[in-house]
N, C-alpha and C. Protein backbone atom coordinates (compact mmCIF):
# COMPACT_ATOMS: atom_id res chain seq x y z
N MET A 1 51.65 12.53 12.62
CA MET A 1 50.91 12.00 13.85
C MET A 1 49.44 12.30 13.88
N ASN A 2 49.10 13.57 13.53
CA ASN A 2 47.67 13.92 13.57
C ASN A 2 46.85 13.15 12.58
N GLY A 3 47.51 12.81 11.30
CA GLY A 3 46.69 12.10 10.40
C GLY A 3 46.44 10.63 10.95
N LEU A 4 47.43 10.08 11.59
CA LEU A 4 47.21 8.65 12.14
C LEU A 4 46.14 8.78 13.26
N ILE A 5 46.06 9.77 13.88
CA ILE A 5 44.94 9.75 14.94
C ILE A 5 43.57 9.87 14.24
N ARG A 6 43.54 10.92 13.26
CA ARG A 6 42.24 10.93 12.64
C ARG A 6 41.82 9.62 12.04
N ARG A 7 42.77 8.98 11.22
CA ARG A 7 42.44 7.58 10.67
C ARG A 7 41.86 6.78 11.79
N GLY A 8 42.54 6.67 13.02
CA GLY A 8 42.09 5.81 13.98
C GLY A 8 40.69 6.24 14.45
N LEU A 9 40.38 7.45 14.53
CA LEU A 9 39.08 7.85 14.93
C LEU A 9 38.08 7.39 13.99
N VAL A 10 38.26 7.51 12.69
CA VAL A 10 37.51 7.25 11.60
C VAL A 10 37.15 5.73 11.70
N VAL A 11 38.29 4.93 11.78
CA VAL A 11 38.01 3.48 11.77
C VAL A 11 37.18 3.09 13.14
N ALA A 12 37.44 3.80 14.27
CA ALA A 12 36.70 3.53 15.36
C ALA A 12 35.25 3.81 15.23
N ALA A 13 34.96 4.91 14.49
CA ALA A 13 33.55 5.35 14.30
C ALA A 13 32.87 4.25 13.46
N PHE A 14 33.42 3.78 12.39
CA PHE A 14 32.94 2.76 11.49
C PHE A 14 32.70 1.46 12.21
N VAL A 15 33.62 1.05 13.07
CA VAL A 15 33.45 -0.11 13.82
C VAL A 15 32.25 0.05 15.03
N GLY A 16 32.14 1.13 15.53
CA GLY A 16 31.11 1.53 16.36
C GLY A 16 29.80 1.33 15.61
N ALA A 17 29.69 2.02 14.50
CA ALA A 17 28.41 1.97 13.78
C ALA A 17 28.19 0.59 13.24
N GLY A 18 29.05 -0.16 12.99
CA GLY A 18 28.79 -1.59 12.64
C GLY A 18 28.23 -2.41 13.77
N ALA A 19 28.62 -1.98 14.98
CA ALA A 19 27.94 -2.74 16.16
C ALA A 19 26.58 -2.29 16.47
N VAL A 20 26.25 -1.02 16.07
CA VAL A 20 24.89 -0.45 16.44
C VAL A 20 23.97 -0.83 15.49
N VAL A 21 24.29 -0.84 14.11
CA VAL A 21 23.41 -1.12 13.09
C VAL A 21 22.59 -2.53 13.18
N PRO A 22 23.33 -3.67 13.48
CA PRO A 22 22.49 -4.83 13.69
C PRO A 22 21.53 -4.90 14.75
N ALA A 23 21.97 -4.24 16.04
CA ALA A 23 21.04 -3.96 17.07
C ALA A 23 19.71 -3.28 16.51
N MET A 24 19.98 -2.24 15.84
CA MET A 24 18.69 -1.45 15.38
C MET A 24 17.85 -2.44 14.54
N GLN A 25 18.58 -3.10 13.60
CA GLN A 25 17.60 -4.06 12.66
C GLN A 25 17.04 -5.15 13.46
N VAL A 26 17.50 -5.60 14.58
CA VAL A 26 16.85 -6.65 15.31
C VAL A 26 15.79 -6.01 15.96
N GLY A 27 15.85 -4.80 16.44
CA GLY A 27 14.77 -4.15 17.09
C GLY A 27 13.48 -3.90 16.19
N ALA A 28 13.84 -3.38 14.91
CA ALA A 28 12.93 -3.17 13.97
C ALA A 28 12.16 -4.32 13.41
N ALA A 29 12.96 -5.51 13.29
CA ALA A 29 12.34 -6.84 13.11
C ALA A 29 11.31 -7.23 14.13
N ALA A 30 11.65 -7.07 15.34
CA ALA A 30 10.86 -7.51 16.39
C ALA A 30 9.55 -6.61 16.41
N ALA A 31 9.72 -5.26 16.14
CA ALA A 31 8.51 -4.42 16.04
C ALA A 31 7.61 -4.90 14.89
N GLN A 32 8.19 -5.26 13.64
CA GLN A 32 7.41 -5.64 12.56
C GLN A 32 6.69 -6.96 12.85
N ALA A 33 7.46 -7.91 13.56
CA ALA A 33 6.86 -9.08 13.75
C ALA A 33 5.61 -9.04 14.71
N ALA A 34 5.46 -7.98 15.47
CA ALA A 34 4.31 -7.93 16.44
C ALA A 34 3.04 -7.50 15.57
N VAL A 35 3.13 -6.83 14.46
CA VAL A 35 2.02 -6.44 13.62
C VAL A 35 2.07 -6.84 12.33
N ILE A 36 1.49 -7.95 11.87
CA ILE A 36 1.54 -8.47 10.51
C ILE A 36 0.34 -8.05 9.85
N GLN A 37 0.37 -7.36 8.86
CA GLN A 37 -0.84 -6.89 8.08
C GLN A 37 -0.93 -7.64 6.79
N GLU A 38 -2.15 -7.85 6.27
CA GLU A 38 -2.46 -8.70 5.11
C GLU A 38 -3.03 -7.47 4.08
N THR A 39 -2.53 -7.46 2.94
CA THR A 39 -2.87 -6.67 1.86
C THR A 39 -3.40 -7.45 0.68
N GLN A 40 -4.63 -6.99 0.20
CA GLN A 40 -5.07 -7.63 -1.02
C GLN A 40 -5.82 -6.69 -1.83
N THR A 41 -5.79 -7.02 -3.19
CA THR A 41 -6.51 -6.07 -4.04
C THR A 41 -7.73 -6.69 -4.68
N PHE A 42 -8.78 -5.78 -4.98
CA PHE A 42 -9.99 -6.22 -5.40
C PHE A 42 -10.32 -5.33 -6.65
N SER A 43 -11.02 -5.99 -7.48
CA SER A 43 -11.45 -5.16 -8.85
C SER A 43 -13.02 -5.20 -8.86
N GLY A 44 -13.55 -4.23 -9.47
CA GLY A 44 -14.92 -4.20 -9.66
C GLY A 44 -15.23 -3.51 -11.06
N TRP A 45 -16.56 -3.78 -11.64
CA TRP A 45 -16.85 -3.17 -12.81
C TRP A 45 -18.40 -3.01 -12.67
N ASP A 46 -18.88 -2.00 -13.42
CA ASP A 46 -20.34 -1.75 -13.48
C ASP A 46 -20.67 -0.76 -14.62
N PHE A 47 -21.92 -0.52 -14.89
CA PHE A 47 -22.19 0.39 -16.04
C PHE A 47 -22.89 1.61 -15.40
N GLY A 48 -23.05 2.67 -16.09
CA GLY A 48 -23.79 3.94 -15.60
C GLY A 48 -24.07 4.70 -16.67
N ASN A 49 -24.88 5.82 -16.47
CA ASN A 49 -25.23 6.76 -17.44
C ASN A 49 -24.34 7.92 -17.70
N SER A 50 -23.18 7.99 -16.82
CA SER A 50 -22.17 8.99 -17.03
C SER A 50 -20.88 8.35 -16.52
N PRO A 51 -19.66 8.87 -16.98
CA PRO A 51 -18.47 8.28 -16.58
C PRO A 51 -18.25 8.31 -15.10
N LYS A 52 -18.77 9.28 -14.36
CA LYS A 52 -18.60 9.46 -13.03
C LYS A 52 -19.47 8.30 -12.22
N GLU A 53 -20.60 8.14 -12.72
CA GLU A 53 -21.63 7.21 -12.22
C GLU A 53 -21.04 5.69 -12.40
N ALA A 54 -20.58 5.53 -13.57
CA ALA A 54 -19.92 4.12 -13.80
C ALA A 54 -18.73 3.91 -12.91
N LYS A 55 -17.83 4.86 -12.67
CA LYS A 55 -16.59 4.72 -11.76
C LYS A 55 -17.25 4.43 -10.42
N ASN A 56 -18.04 5.25 -9.97
CA ASN A 56 -18.59 5.16 -8.56
C ASN A 56 -19.23 3.72 -8.27
N ASN A 57 -19.98 3.30 -9.36
CA ASN A 57 -20.55 1.87 -9.15
C ASN A 57 -19.48 0.99 -9.15
N ALA A 58 -18.32 1.08 -10.10
CA ALA A 58 -17.38 0.02 -10.03
C ALA A 58 -16.66 0.06 -8.69
N VAL A 59 -16.36 1.17 -8.12
CA VAL A 59 -15.71 1.21 -6.76
C VAL A 59 -16.62 0.47 -5.69
N LYS A 60 -17.93 0.70 -5.83
CA LYS A 60 -18.86 0.01 -4.76
C LYS A 60 -18.85 -1.39 -4.99
N ASP A 61 -18.63 -1.84 -6.27
CA ASP A 61 -18.72 -3.36 -6.58
C ASP A 61 -17.35 -3.82 -6.00
N ALA A 62 -16.35 -3.27 -6.20
CA ALA A 62 -15.01 -3.64 -5.56
C ALA A 62 -15.06 -3.63 -4.14
N GLN A 63 -15.66 -2.62 -3.44
CA GLN A 63 -15.99 -2.66 -2.04
C GLN A 63 -16.78 -3.85 -1.56
N ARG A 64 -17.64 -4.25 -2.38
CA ARG A 64 -18.59 -5.50 -1.96
C ARG A 64 -17.67 -6.70 -2.00
N GLN A 65 -16.84 -6.77 -3.02
CA GLN A 65 -16.08 -7.90 -3.22
C GLN A 65 -15.06 -7.98 -1.88
N ALA A 66 -14.60 -6.75 -1.45
CA ALA A 66 -13.63 -6.77 -0.26
C ALA A 66 -14.55 -7.18 1.08
N ALA A 67 -15.75 -6.80 1.11
CA ALA A 67 -16.50 -7.00 2.26
C ALA A 67 -16.80 -8.55 2.34
N ILE A 68 -17.04 -9.18 1.19
CA ILE A 68 -17.01 -10.69 1.19
C ILE A 68 -16.01 -11.29 1.60
N SER A 69 -14.80 -10.84 1.45
CA SER A 69 -13.50 -11.38 1.99
C SER A 69 -13.12 -10.96 3.31
N GLY A 70 -13.81 -10.14 4.02
CA GLY A 70 -13.69 -9.85 5.42
C GLY A 70 -13.17 -8.50 5.55
N TYR A 71 -12.91 -7.69 4.59
CA TYR A 71 -12.35 -6.27 4.77
C TYR A 71 -13.70 -5.43 5.04
N ILE A 72 -14.24 -5.36 6.13
CA ILE A 72 -15.56 -4.76 6.32
C ILE A 72 -15.51 -3.33 6.28
N PRO A 73 -14.68 -2.56 7.11
CA PRO A 73 -14.74 -1.06 7.01
C PRO A 73 -14.08 -0.48 5.67
N ALA A 74 -14.78 0.39 5.06
CA ALA A 74 -14.29 0.98 3.77
C ALA A 74 -12.93 1.91 4.12
N ALA A 75 -12.79 2.09 5.49
CA ALA A 75 -11.62 2.88 5.63
C ALA A 75 -10.25 2.21 5.75
N GLN A 76 -10.42 0.78 5.44
CA GLN A 76 -9.14 -0.07 5.34
C GLN A 76 -8.78 -0.18 3.80
N CYS A 77 -9.55 0.40 2.93
CA CYS A 77 -9.45 0.23 1.52
C CYS A 77 -8.91 1.59 0.90
N VAL A 78 -8.04 1.60 -0.17
CA VAL A 78 -7.62 2.67 -0.84
C VAL A 78 -7.88 2.38 -2.34
N THR A 79 -8.54 3.37 -2.98
CA THR A 79 -8.72 3.29 -4.41
C THR A 79 -7.56 3.56 -5.17
N THR A 80 -7.16 2.48 -5.93
CA THR A 80 -5.83 2.59 -6.62
C THR A 80 -5.91 2.88 -8.23
N PHE A 81 -7.09 2.53 -8.75
CA PHE A 81 -7.32 2.77 -10.18
C PHE A 81 -8.81 2.81 -10.57
N THR A 82 -9.10 3.81 -11.39
CA THR A 82 -10.61 3.83 -11.85
C THR A 82 -10.40 4.26 -13.30
N ASP A 83 -11.42 3.85 -14.19
CA ASP A 83 -11.35 4.16 -15.57
C ASP A 83 -12.76 3.98 -16.10
N SER A 84 -13.18 4.62 -17.15
CA SER A 84 -14.58 4.49 -17.68
C SER A 84 -14.38 4.51 -19.15
N SER A 85 -15.23 4.04 -19.91
CA SER A 85 -15.22 3.81 -21.34
C SER A 85 -16.68 3.98 -21.95
N ARG A 86 -16.88 4.75 -22.94
CA ARG A 86 -18.16 4.94 -23.45
C ARG A 86 -18.48 3.77 -24.39
N TRP A 87 -19.64 3.27 -24.22
CA TRP A 87 -20.11 2.13 -25.03
C TRP A 87 -21.24 2.46 -25.91
N GLY A 88 -21.85 3.69 -25.78
CA GLY A 88 -22.94 4.11 -26.58
C GLY A 88 -23.47 5.39 -25.96
N PRO A 89 -24.26 6.10 -26.65
CA PRO A 89 -25.00 7.36 -26.28
C PRO A 89 -25.71 7.10 -24.79
N GLY A 90 -24.95 7.92 -23.91
CA GLY A 90 -25.46 7.88 -22.50
C GLY A 90 -25.28 6.49 -21.79
N TYR A 91 -24.20 5.67 -22.26
CA TYR A 91 -24.18 4.29 -21.72
C TYR A 91 -22.51 4.15 -21.41
N TYR A 92 -22.11 4.10 -20.14
CA TYR A 92 -20.48 3.97 -19.91
C TYR A 92 -20.29 2.76 -19.09
N TYR A 93 -19.12 2.17 -19.29
CA TYR A 93 -18.58 1.00 -18.59
C TYR A 93 -17.47 1.52 -17.65
N GLY A 94 -17.46 1.20 -16.43
CA GLY A 94 -16.47 1.62 -15.48
C GLY A 94 -15.82 0.43 -14.75
N THR A 95 -14.47 0.64 -14.55
CA THR A 95 -13.70 -0.28 -13.82
C THR A 95 -13.07 0.36 -12.81
N ALA A 96 -12.64 -0.39 -11.61
CA ALA A 96 -11.93 0.05 -10.45
C ALA A 96 -11.29 -0.89 -9.73
N VAL A 97 -10.03 -0.62 -9.19
CA VAL A 97 -9.26 -1.45 -8.39
C VAL A 97 -9.01 -0.77 -7.16
N ILE A 98 -9.18 -1.56 -5.99
CA ILE A 98 -8.98 -1.15 -4.57
C ILE A 98 -7.97 -1.96 -3.94
N SER A 99 -7.02 -1.39 -3.03
CA SER A 99 -6.11 -2.11 -2.23
C SER A 99 -6.66 -2.07 -0.83
N CYS A 100 -6.85 -3.24 -0.20
CA CYS A 100 -7.34 -3.18 1.23
C CYS A 100 -6.22 -3.92 2.12
N THR A 101 -6.14 -3.34 3.44
CA THR A 101 -5.13 -3.88 4.46
C THR A 101 -5.96 -4.10 5.64
N ARG A 102 -5.74 -5.30 6.33
CA ARG A 102 -6.25 -5.59 7.67
C ARG A 102 -5.12 -6.15 8.53
C-alpha cells in the first residue's frame, strides 16, 4: 500500500512540474522579447613596429569599423581575437576581431 502511495505522489509531482514549466517558459520568452539585442563582429588589421603596437592598431581599426556601423561606445565591444606576424626586421602585421552588441 505504501508503494502505491509513493508512486502516486511521484506521478503527481511530475504532472505538477509539467504544468509549471510551460508557464515559466512563456514568462522567459516575454522577458526576452522586451529586449532584443543585435550582435555583430568586426575585423581590423594594421601594421606596427612591435607585435603589441600592431595588435593595438588592429583593435583600433576594428573599433573604427564598429563606430561606422553605429556601435559608438567601445564598452559595447569585446575583443575576441588578436594576432600578429613578423614581416621583417622591426615590422609587424596585426589582426583583430571584436564582437559588438547594441
